[in-house]
Amino acid sequence: MDNKRKWVVRAMLIITSCAFVLYGAARGEIEIVWNKAVNICLECIGLG
């Protein structure tokens, strides 16, 4: 693969990743992920 093709593939993957992050945020999944992360952290630390 030449350098231009690698750059195009990387750019497409970044664009696709950003699109999925924005789609998840639009669906309100940020709060769900945040709550799960807080619960996991509190369980590991032993505060919860």
C-alpha atoms as a PDB file:
ATOM      1  CA  MET A   1       0.000   0.000   0.000  1.00  0.00           C
ATOM      2  CA  ASP A   2       1.338   3.380  -0.843  1.00  0.00           C
ATOM      3  CA  ASN A   3       1.290   6.321   1.537  1.00  0.00           C
ATOM      4  CA  LYS A   4      -1.695   8.023  -0.099  1.00  0.00           C
ATOM      5  CA  ARG A   5      -3.862   4.929   0.238  1.00  0.00           C
ATOM      6  CA  LYS A   6      -2.855   4.521   3.902  1.00  0.00           C
ATOM      7  CA  TRP A   7      -3.756   8.157   4.539  1.00  0.00           C
ATOM      8  CA  VAL A   8      -7.156   7.711   2.886  1.00  0.00           C
ATOM      9  CA  VAL A   9      -7.912   4.564   4.898  1.00  0.00           C
ATOM     10  CA  ARG A  10      -6.920   6.267   8.158  1.00  0.00           C
ATOM     11  CA  ALA A  11      -9.009   9.332   7.333  1.00  0.00           C
ATOM     12  CA  MET A  12     -12.045   7.188   6.541  1.00  0.00           C
ATOM     13  CA  LEU A  13     -11.664   5.292   9.818  1.00  0.00           C
ATOM     14  CA  ILE A  14     -11.418   8.535  11.783  1.00  0.00           C
ATOM     15  CA  ILE A  15     -14.483   9.964  10.037  1.00  0.00           C
ATOM     16  CA  THR A  16     -16.445   6.770  10.659  1.00  0.00           C
ATOM     17  CA  SER A  17     -15.413   6.717  14.318  1.00  0.00           C
ATOM     18  CA  CYS A  18     -16.478  10.327  14.803  1.00  0.00           C
ATOM     19  CA  ALA A  19     -19.807   9.608  13.133  1.00  0.00           C
ATOM     20  CA  PHE A  20     -20.489   6.724  15.528  1.00  0.00           C
ATOM     21  CA  VAL A  21     -19.536   8.830  18.560  1.00  0.00           C
ATOM     22  CA  LEU A  22     -21.899  11.592  17.434  1.00  0.00           C
ATOM     23  CA  TYR A  23     -24.664   9.073  16.765  1.00  0.00           C
ATOM     24  CA  GLY A  24     -24.301   7.630  20.271  1.00  0.00           C
ATOM     25  CA  ALA A  25     -24.307  11.109  21.791  1.00  0.00           C
ATOM     26  CA  ALA A  26     -27.469  11.996  19.858  1.00  0.00           C
ATOM     27  CA  ARG A  27     -29.169   8.910  21.266  1.00  0.00           C
ATOM     28  CA  GLY A  28     -28.352   9.989  24.828  1.00  0.00           C
ATOM     29  CA  GLU A  29     -25.904   7.192  25.527  1.00  0.00           C
ATOM     30  CA  ILE A  30     -23.361   9.503  27.166  1.00  0.00           C
ATOM     31  CA  GLU A  31     -25.321   9.453  30.425  1.00  0.00           C
ATOM     32  CA  ILE A  32     -25.631   5.663  30.352  1.00  0.00           C
ATOM     33  CA  VAL A  33     -21.899   5.172  29.804  1.00  0.00           C
ATOM     34  CA  TRP A  34     -21.071   7.772  32.460  1.00  0.00           C
ATOM     35  CA  ASN A  35     -23.297   6.059  35.051  1.00  0.00           C
ATOM     36  CA  LYS A  36     -21.751   2.671  34.327  1.00  0.00           C
ATOM     37  CA  ALA A  37     -18.228   4.117  34.591  1.00  0.00           C
ATOM     38  CA  VAL A  38     -19.035   5.742  37.940  1.00  0.00           C
ATOM     39  CA  ASN A  39     -20.500   2.511  39.294  1.00  0.00           C
ATOM     40  CA  ILE A  40     -17.499   0.474  38.183  1.00  0.00           C
ATOM     41  CA  CYS A  41     -15.059   2.975  39.719  1.00  0.00           C
ATOM     42  CA  LEU A  42     -16.944   3.098  43.000  1.00  0.00           C
ATOM     43  CA  GLU A  43     -17.016  -0.706  43.176  1.00  0.00           C
ATOM     44  CA  CYS A  44     -13.287  -1.009  42.485  1.00  0.00           C
ATOM     45  CA  ILE A  45     -12.367   1.611  45.066  1.00  0.00           C
ATOM     46  CA  GLY A  46     -14.764   0.050  47.553  1.00  0.00           C
ATOM     47  CA  LEU A  47     -16.799   3.144  48.315  1.00  0.00           C
ATOM     48  CA  GLY A  48     -20.063   1.831  46.898  1.00  0.00           C
END
